[in-house]
Protein backbone atom coordinates (compact mmCIF):
# COMPACT_ATOMS: atom_id res chain seq x y z
CA UNK A 1 9.79 18.34 1.96
CA UNK A 2 8.85 15.63 -0.49
CA UNK A 3 5.25 15.48 -1.67
CA UNK A 4 3.87 12.00 -1.15
CA UNK A 5 0.95 10.44 -2.91
CA UNK A 6 -2.17 10.11 -0.81
CA UNK A 7 -3.83 6.69 -1.00
CA UNK A 8 -7.21 6.60 -2.71
CA UNK A 9 -9.77 5.63 -0.08
CA UNK A 10 -12.60 5.14 -2.58
CA UNK A 11 -11.46 1.72 -3.84
CA UNK A 12 -13.93 -1.14 -3.74
CA UNK A 13 -13.50 -3.66 -0.95
CA UNK A 14 -14.03 -7.40 -0.92
CA UNK A 15 -17.41 -8.32 0.60
CA UNK A 16 -16.44 -11.87 1.65
CA UNK A 17 -16.46 -12.45 5.37
CA UNK A 18 -13.26 -13.00 7.26
CA UNK A 19 -13.36 -15.53 10.12
CA UNK A 20 -12.92 -13.74 13.43
CA UNK A 21 -13.77 -10.23 12.26
CA UNK A 22 -16.80 -10.82 10.05
CA UNK A 23 -15.48 -8.62 7.26
CA UNK A 24 -12.70 -8.66 4.70
CA UNK A 25 -11.34 -5.19 3.98
CA UNK A 26 -8.85 -6.18 1.28
CA UNK A 27 -9.22 -4.00 -1.83
CA UNK A 28 -10.56 -5.67 -4.96
CA UNK A 29 -9.89 -2.79 -7.37
CA UNK A 30 -6.63 -2.72 -9.24
CA UNK A 31 -4.27 -1.15 -8.72
CA UNK A 32 -4.49 -1.37 -4.96
CA UNK A 33 -4.45 2.20 -3.56
CA UNK A 34 -2.06 1.27 -0.74
CA UNK A 35 0.34 -0.46 -3.15
CA UNK A 36 0.25 2.61 -5.37
CA UNK A 37 0.87 4.95 -2.42
CA UNK A 38 3.88 3.00 -1.14
CA UNK A 39 5.35 2.52 -4.63
CA UNK A 40 5.03 6.20 -5.60
CA UNK A 41 6.41 7.35 -2.25
CA UNK A 42 9.33 4.92 -2.55
CA UNK A 43 10.15 6.12 -6.05
CA UNK A 44 9.85 9.78 -5.03
CA UNK A 45 12.23 9.24 -2.11
CA UNK A 46 14.70 7.42 -4.35
CA UNK A 47 14.63 10.23 -6.93
CA UNK A 48 15.23 12.77 -4.14
CA UNK A 49 18.29 10.79 -3.05
CA UNK A 50 16.78 9.74 0.28
CA UNK A 51 17.68 6.07 0.01
CA UNK A 52 16.93 5.40 3.68
CA UNK A 53 13.34 6.56 3.23
CA UNK A 54 13.09 4.58 -0.03
CA UNK A 55 14.16 1.47 1.87
CA UNK A 56 11.56 2.20 4.56
CA UNK A 57 8.84 2.36 1.89
CA UNK A 58 10.11 -0.92 0.39
CA UNK A 59 9.68 -2.57 3.80
CA UNK A 60 6.19 -1.07 4.19
CA UNK A 61 5.21 -2.20 0.68
CA UNK A 62 6.36 -5.77 1.26
CA UNK A 63 4.65 -5.90 4.66
CA UNK A 64 1.46 -4.66 2.99
CA UNK A 65 1.74 -7.31 0.23
CA UNK A 66 2.03 -10.07 2.82
CA UNK A 67 -0.87 -8.89 4.96
CA UNK A 68 -3.32 -7.59 2.35
CA UNK A 69 -2.58 -9.75 -0.67
CA UNK A 70 -1.33 -12.95 0.99
CA UNK A 71 1.91 -12.91 -1.02
């Protein structure tokens, strides 16, 4: 079993309001804990030779970038 990094849940969050929900939960601290989690997990899977799992983490990372960082 591959150890995976746990995301840091203590990061600061943006206090601006988001239309519709009233809050904006995007992290303001850098590096983003979710980005770090997906990147480390992707790299760990790649080093272990599990390229399918590495690809899955790449997809999750890009999906996160688009939704959380508006990339």
